[in-house]
Protein backbone atom coordinates (compact mmCIF):
# COMPACT_ATOMS: atom_id res chain seq x y z
CA MET A 1 14.75 8.35 -18.20
CA LYS A 2 14.02 5.74 -21.24
CA LEU A 3 14.21 3.34 -18.59
CA PHE A 4 11.40 1.07 -20.77
CA THR A 5 12.34 1.70 -24.24
CA ARG A 6 13.87 -1.22 -24.73
CA LEU A 7 11.82 -3.46 -22.54
CA SER A 8 9.05 -5.33 -24.73
CA ILE A 9 11.68 -6.70 -26.93
CA VAL A 10 13.34 -8.22 -24.07
CA LEU A 11 9.84 -9.26 -22.82
CA VAL A 12 9.47 -11.17 -26.25
CA SER A 13 12.44 -12.91 -26.07
CA MET A 14 11.78 -14.10 -23.04
CA LEU A 15 8.88 -15.87 -23.84
CA CYS A 16 10.58 -16.60 -27.24
CA LEU A 17 12.66 -18.96 -24.23
CA ASP A 18 10.26 -19.18 -21.86
CA SER A 19 8.26 -21.40 -23.99
CA VAL A 20 10.72 -24.15 -25.20
CA PRO A 21 7.89 -27.49 -24.97
CA GLN A 22 9.23 -30.36 -21.79
CA LYS A 23 9.62 -34.05 -22.58
CA VAL A 24 7.36 -35.31 -20.03
CA THR A 25 8.12 -39.68 -18.98
CA ALA A 26 4.49 -42.16 -17.71
CA GLN A 27 5.57 -44.32 -14.84
CA VAL A 28 3.90 -47.50 -15.81
CA PRO A 29 3.07 -49.73 -12.81
CA ASP A 30 5.11 -53.07 -12.81
CA PRO A 31 3.03 -56.39 -13.32
CA ASN A 32 5.26 -58.34 -10.35
CA ASN A 33 5.00 -56.03 -8.14
CA SER A 34 0.63 -57.10 -7.85
CA GLN A 35 0.87 -59.44 -4.99
CA GLU A 36 2.70 -58.03 -2.04
CA GLY A 37 0.75 -57.68 1.26
CA ASN A 38 -1.10 -55.52 3.31
CA ILE A 39 2.10 -53.97 5.17
CA SER A 40 3.80 -53.98 2.44
CA GLY A 41 1.02 -51.64 0.77
CA SER A 42 1.08 -49.54 3.86
CA HIS A 43 4.27 -49.08 3.64
CA THR A 44 4.25 -46.93 -0.01
CA SER A 45 1.20 -46.13 0.77
CA ALA A 46 2.86 -43.16 3.55
CA LYS A 47 6.19 -43.18 1.44
CA THR A 48 3.74 -41.49 -1.33
CA VAL A 49 1.98 -39.80 1.39
CA LEU A 50 6.23 -38.21 1.81
CA ASP A 51 6.85 -37.86 -0.50
CA GLU A 52 4.24 -35.91 -2.34
CA GLU A 53 4.35 -33.16 0.87
CA GLN A 54 8.22 -33.27 0.75
CA GLU A 55 6.50 -32.36 -3.47
CA ASP A 56 4.60 -29.55 -2.59
CA ILE A 57 7.26 -28.21 -0.19
CA ASN A 58 9.92 -28.06 -3.07
CA ASN A 59 7.35 -27.35 -6.14
CA PRO A 60 8.21 -23.78 -7.58
CA TYR A 61 4.70 -22.81 -8.26
CA LEU A 62 3.89 -22.77 -4.89
CA GLU A 63 5.58 -19.72 -4.00
CA TYR A 64 3.34 -16.66 -4.20
CA ASN A 65 4.00 -13.28 -2.32
CA PRO A 66 1.81 -12.76 0.30
CA ASN A 67 1.07 -9.97 0.97
CA SER A 68 -0.71 -9.78 -2.86
CA VAL A 69 -4.40 -9.97 -3.06
CA ASN A 70 -4.46 -11.79 -6.10
CA PRO A 71 -1.03 -14.13 -5.46
CA ILE A 72 0.84 -14.95 -9.06
CA PRO A 73 4.10 -17.56 -8.62
CA VAL A 74 6.95 -16.90 -8.87
CA PRO A 75 7.59 -18.85 -11.62
CA ASN A 76 5.20 -17.14 -13.96
CA ILE A 77 7.08 -13.63 -13.28
CA LEU A 78 8.71 -12.70 -15.91
CA PHE A 79 9.70 -9.56 -14.95
CA LYS A 80 9.04 -6.63 -11.88
CA LYS A 81 9.18 -3.51 -11.11
CA ARG A 82 8.27 -1.86 -7.54
CA ILE A 83 6.67 1.48 -7.79
CA TRP A 84 6.27 4.30 -5.87
CA ARG A 85 3.01 7.08 -6.20
CA GLU A 86 1.72 9.81 -4.52
CA ILE A 87 -2.67 10.01 -4.13
CA TYR A 88 -3.53 13.98 -3.75
CA LEU A 89 -7.06 13.23 -2.69
CA GLN A 90 -8.21 17.22 -2.32
CA GLU A 91 -7.78 16.73 -6.82
CA ARG A 92 -11.07 16.81 -8.60
CA LYS A 93 -9.78 13.12 -9.66
CA ASN A 94 -9.65 11.44 -6.63
CA LYS A 95 -12.77 13.32 -4.86
CA PRO A 96 -14.55 10.03 -5.12
CA PHE A 97 -12.40 8.57 -2.85
CA PHE A 98 -12.59 11.30 0.42
CA SER A 99 -16.17 12.72 -0.66
CA ARG A 100 -17.60 13.69 2.96
CA ASN A 101 -18.05 11.56 6.08
CA LYS A 102 -16.57 8.77 3.64
CA GLU A 103 -12.85 9.61 3.21
CA ILE A 104 -10.91 6.67 2.37
CA THR A 105 -8.93 7.96 5.37
CA LYS A 106 -11.88 7.35 7.99
CA PHE A 107 -12.25 4.21 7.67
CA ILE A 108 -8.80 3.40 7.69
CA ILE A 109 -8.18 5.19 11.25
CA ASP A 110 -11.86 3.35 12.17
CA GLY A 111 -10.65 0.15 11.15
CA VAL A 112 -8.24 0.44 13.37
CA LYS A 113 -9.86 2.28 16.52
CA GLU A 114 -12.25 -1.51 15.93
CA GLY A 115 -9.39 -3.16 15.70
CA ARG A 116 -9.78 -4.61 13.11
CA LEU A 117 -6.43 -3.33 10.85
CA VAL A 118 -2.99 -3.92 11.88
CA PRO A 119 -0.04 -0.16 11.56
CA TYR A 120 3.59 -1.05 10.57
CA LYS A 121 5.53 1.44 10.50
CA ASP A 122 6.80 1.28 7.17
CA GLU A 123 6.27 -0.61 3.22
CA LYS A 124 8.21 -3.29 3.88
CA LEU A 125 6.29 -4.58 6.85
CA ILE A 126 8.47 -5.85 9.24
CA GLU A 127 7.93 -4.14 12.05
CA LYS A 128 4.99 -3.81 13.87
CA MET A 129 2.89 0.04 15.02
CA THR A 130 0.88 -0.10 18.02
CA LYS A 131 -2.02 0.95 18.06
CA GLU A 132 -1.90 3.69 20.98
CA GLU A 133 1.58 5.06 18.42
CA PHE A 134 -0.96 5.01 15.90
CA LEU A 135 -3.56 7.23 17.78
CA GLU A 136 -0.39 9.86 18.73
CA ASN A 137 0.82 10.03 15.29
CA LEU A 138 -2.96 11.90 15.08
CA ARG A 139 -2.81 13.39 17.32
CA LEU A 140 -3.03 17.58 16.79
CA PRO A 141 0.82 18.99 17.67
CA GLN A 142 0.66 20.64 21.37
CA HIS A 143 1.87 24.67 22.49
CA GLU A 144 6.31 24.22 22.81
CA ALA A 145 6.92 25.19 27.05
CA LEU A 146 8.29 28.57 26.48
CA SER A 147 12.18 29.01 27.11
CA ALA A 148 13.30 30.19 30.05
CA HIS A 149 14.74 33.16 27.92
CA GLU A 150 11.05 34.13 27.04
CA LYS A 151 10.32 33.75 31.03
CA ALA A 152 13.00 36.30 31.86
CA LEU A 153 10.93 38.74 29.34
CA GLY A 154 7.20 38.58 31.68
CA PHE A 155 5.86 35.74 28.42
CA ALA A 156 2.95 33.94 30.30
CA ASP A 157 2.10 29.68 29.90
CA ASP A 158 -1.23 30.10 29.60
CA SER A 159 -1.19 34.15 27.89
CA GLY A 160 -3.66 35.29 29.71
CA TRP A 161 -4.05 37.92 32.39
CA ASP A 162 -2.87 37.63 35.31
CA ASP A 163 -6.01 39.25 36.85
CA LYS A 164 -8.54 37.45 35.91
CA LYS A 165 -9.67 34.75 37.95
CA THR A 166 -11.20 31.67 37.40
CA THR A 167 -14.84 29.75 39.01
CA THR A 168 -15.48 26.75 39.80
CA SER A 169 -17.36 26.21 36.09
CA ASP A 170 -14.11 26.70 34.48
CA LYS A 171 -11.86 24.37 36.66
CA LYS A 172 -14.84 22.03 35.59
CA ASP A 173 -14.53 22.81 31.26
CA GLU A 174 -10.82 22.74 31.79
CA LYS A 175 -10.78 18.97 33.33
CA ALA A 176 -13.59 17.87 30.52
CA LYS A 177 -10.94 19.61 27.47
CA GLU A 178 -8.22 17.44 29.44
CA VAL A 179 -10.04 14.32 28.54
CA VAL A 180 -11.07 14.83 25.31
CA VAL A 181 -8.50 13.69 22.69
CA GLU A 182 -7.14 16.15 19.96
CA GLU A 183 -6.86 14.35 16.85
CA PHE A 184 -6.69 14.83 12.70
CA LEU A 185 -9.64 14.80 11.27
CA PRO A 186 -9.96 11.99 7.82
CA ASN A 187 -10.85 15.22 5.91
CA GLU A 188 -7.23 16.46 7.06
CA ILE A 189 -4.93 12.81 5.92
CA THR A 190 -5.01 14.72 2.31
CA THR A 191 -2.36 11.91 1.12
CA LEU A 192 -1.62 9.03 0.48
CA GLU A 193 1.51 7.05 0.09
CA LEU A 194 0.80 3.84 -2.30
CA VAL A 195 3.36 0.94 -3.17
CA GLU A 196 3.10 -1.98 -5.86
CA ASP A 197 4.10 -4.13 -8.12
CA LEU A 198 4.09 -3.88 -11.55
CA ILE A 199 4.47 -7.31 -13.11
CA PHE A 200 4.36 -9.08 -16.22
CA ASN A 201 2.35 -12.50 -16.63
CA LYS A 202 3.89 -14.76 -18.85
CA VAL A 203 0.86 -16.88 -18.82
CA SER A 204 -1.74 -14.53 -19.15
CA ALA A 205 0.67 -12.35 -21.24
CA THR A 206 -0.19 -9.41 -19.74
CA PHE A 207 0.90 -6.15 -16.92
CA ILE A 208 -0.54 -6.51 -13.68
CA TYR A 209 -0.81 -3.28 -10.68
CA ASP A 210 -0.07 -5.12 -7.51
CA ILE A 211 -0.49 -3.37 -4.62
CA GLN A 212 1.21 -3.87 -2.14
CA THR A 213 0.87 -1.32 0.79
CA ILE A 214 -0.88 2.10 1.56
CA LYS A 215 0.23 4.79 3.76
CA LEU A 216 -1.64 7.19 5.24
CA ILE A 217 0.63 10.87 5.40
CA ILE A 218 -0.14 14.41 7.03
CA PRO A 219 1.10 17.30 5.03
CA ALA A 220 3.41 19.04 5.91
CA GLU A 221 0.80 22.40 6.51
CA LYS A 222 -0.68 20.85 8.80
CA PHE A 223 2.95 21.79 10.95
CA PRO A 224 4.98 24.36 11.93
CA THR A 225 8.19 22.80 11.37
CA GLY A 226 6.43 22.27 7.93
CA LEU A 227 7.50 18.92 7.40
CA ARG A 228 5.14 15.77 6.20
CA LYS A 229 4.37 13.42 9.17
CA THR A 230 3.11 9.58 8.67
CA VAL A 231 0.63 7.54 10.11
CA GLY A 232 0.85 4.27 8.81
CA THR A 233 1.49 1.74 6.70
CA PHE A 234 -0.82 -0.82 6.15
CA ARG A 235 -0.97 -3.86 4.38
CA TYR A 236 -3.14 -3.84 1.15
CA LYS A 237 -4.32 -6.92 1.73
CA ASP A 238 -5.53 -6.79 4.94
CA LEU A 239 -7.86 -3.18 3.78
CA ALA A 240 -9.37 -4.51 1.43
CA ALA A 241 -10.60 -7.02 3.15
CA TYR A 242 -11.91 -4.54 5.61
CA PHE A 243 -13.54 -2.36 2.35
CA ASP A 244 -15.31 -5.70 1.03
CA SER A 245 -16.76 -6.70 4.53
CA LYS A 246 -18.44 -2.91 4.08
CA PRO A 247 -20.11 -3.04 0.90
CA LYS A 248 -22.65 -0.92 1.68
CA GLU A 249 -19.91 1.82 3.62
CA ALA A 250 -16.65 2.05 1.79
CA LEU A 251 -18.07 3.72 -1.39
CA TRP A 252 -15.85 5.07 -4.29
CA VAL A 253 -18.68 7.25 -4.76
CA ASN A 254 -19.71 9.32 -8.16
CA VAL A 255 -20.00 12.30 -8.08
CA LYS A 256 -22.05 12.11 -11.53
CA ASN A 257 -24.23 8.91 -11.16
CA SER A 258 -25.15 8.03 -7.11
CA ALA A 259 -26.16 5.36 -8.72
CA ALA A 260 -22.77 3.84 -10.61
CA ASN A 261 -21.08 3.57 -6.86
CA ILE A 262 -19.40 0.18 -6.73
CA LYS A 263 -16.37 -0.93 -3.73
CA LEU A 264 -13.57 0.72 -2.45
CA THR A 265 -11.76 -2.48 -3.75
CA GLU A 266 -13.49 -2.18 -7.53
CA ALA A 267 -11.95 1.43 -7.35
CA MET A 268 -8.50 0.01 -6.48
CA GLU A 269 -8.79 -2.46 -8.88
CA LEU A 270 -10.05 -0.09 -12.14
CA ARG A 271 -7.12 2.70 -10.76
CA LEU A 272 -10.13 5.21 -11.56
CA PHE A 273 -7.72 7.32 -9.08
CA ASP A 274 -4.42 10.07 -10.46
CA SER A 275 -1.14 9.79 -8.92
CA ARG A 276 2.37 10.36 -9.36
CA ILE A 277 5.24 8.96 -9.70
CA THR A 278 7.46 8.85 -6.65
CA LYS A 279 10.18 6.36 -7.08
CA ILE A 280 11.04 3.35 -8.97
CA ASP A 281 12.98 0.31 -8.03
CA ASN A 282 16.41 1.70 -8.25
CA PRO A 283 19.66 0.43 -6.78
CA ASP A 284 21.10 3.30 -5.22
CA ASP A 285 17.41 3.88 -3.68
CA LYS A 286 16.38 7.72 -5.00
CA ALA A 287 13.60 9.11 -5.62
CA ILE A 288 13.00 10.62 -8.70
CA GLU A 289 13.46 14.38 -6.62
CA ASP A 290 16.96 13.74 -5.74
CA ILE A 291 17.42 12.68 -9.45
CA TYR A 292 15.89 15.02 -11.19
CA ASN A 293 17.02 17.67 -8.33
CA LYS A 294 17.79 21.20 -10.77
CA THR A 295 13.96 22.67 -9.98
CA PRO A 296 10.65 20.91 -8.96
CA LYS A 297 9.24 21.67 -11.88
CA GLN A 298 11.89 19.17 -14.15
CA SER A 299 11.55 16.16 -11.37
CA LEU A 300 7.62 16.63 -12.04
CA TYR A 301 8.04 16.38 -15.93
CA ALA A 302 10.51 13.15 -15.24
CA SER A 303 7.92 11.66 -13.56
CA GLN A 304 4.68 11.98 -16.28
CA GLU A 305 7.63 10.38 -19.06
CA LEU A 306 7.85 7.95 -17.19
CA GLU A 307 4.13 7.31 -16.58
CA GLU A 308 3.79 7.70 -20.27
CA GLN A 309 6.60 5.45 -20.70
CA LEU A 310 5.20 3.03 -18.45
CA ILE A 311 1.92 2.85 -20.97
CA GLU A 312 3.88 2.77 -23.94
CA LEU A 313 5.22 -0.21 -22.34
CA ASP A 314 2.01 -2.50 -22.77
CA GLN A 315 1.25 -1.18 -26.13
CA PHE A 316 3.60 -1.15 -27.71
CA LEU A 317 5.19 -4.98 -25.47
CA TRP A 318 3.20 -6.72 -29.10
CA GLU A 319 4.53 -4.94 -31.72
CA ASN A 320 8.57 -5.26 -31.49
């Protein structure tokens, strides 16, 4: 559990090594080339453009993470660690993200139905999910058909009385029910999985939480199997753009002061949510509950201890 104990010392030493001044040489133009013709001048300008393009390709400061809302050049990143968190929207602190008819899950689902958000199958953001697949994941679990043994015992599929007469109005109602697609409501999707990178920017000398993806998860108690279900994963950069396009609708609702409502993107940036660390990037790709699997309470304590170490890392960085 001492993952971040000596990290502050290492970062300070790396900053000192990285701050070595570099020698810059100035280029002085050759006076003998002042009488060149227009043709040679055009060739020189074309060569200059090609050289600049090649420099742009080879420039490491133009490399950045395309999934970041505020990308940081790769050479400016001194330290990076990927963290997985789970946000339980029914908790009291997360209620502003889950107010009635303004649930963050509602806006995400509406964005997919409008065709403005693209879901992915996992946090790698490689394989996209179609709109039909996303809506299929939202469907309520269907009742399983009776087995041959159950039918032999006399159970019927409709679980009704055999002498019940079906009228014309009943048939119309049945057809109407078939048209309606039953799916989970936004307030029933109560778990979000957030994947972010903890980055130390050596230029600004600050730690930055760079959110990468958000995953919608239906809790296990909604299914007879007792297993939770993933609806879809979204790139947070796309979500932030969609939330900002609805500044008066996609809001973090202040439960004590309606005049202090702010945009969802601002609330995420200010980290006004409560979450639990479920995994930190490691060679074995193990979650915290896999490492501390003796009791659920032990894995919870381990998650809280990791959270405290992250807080202390920023506070004690310059004290060592």
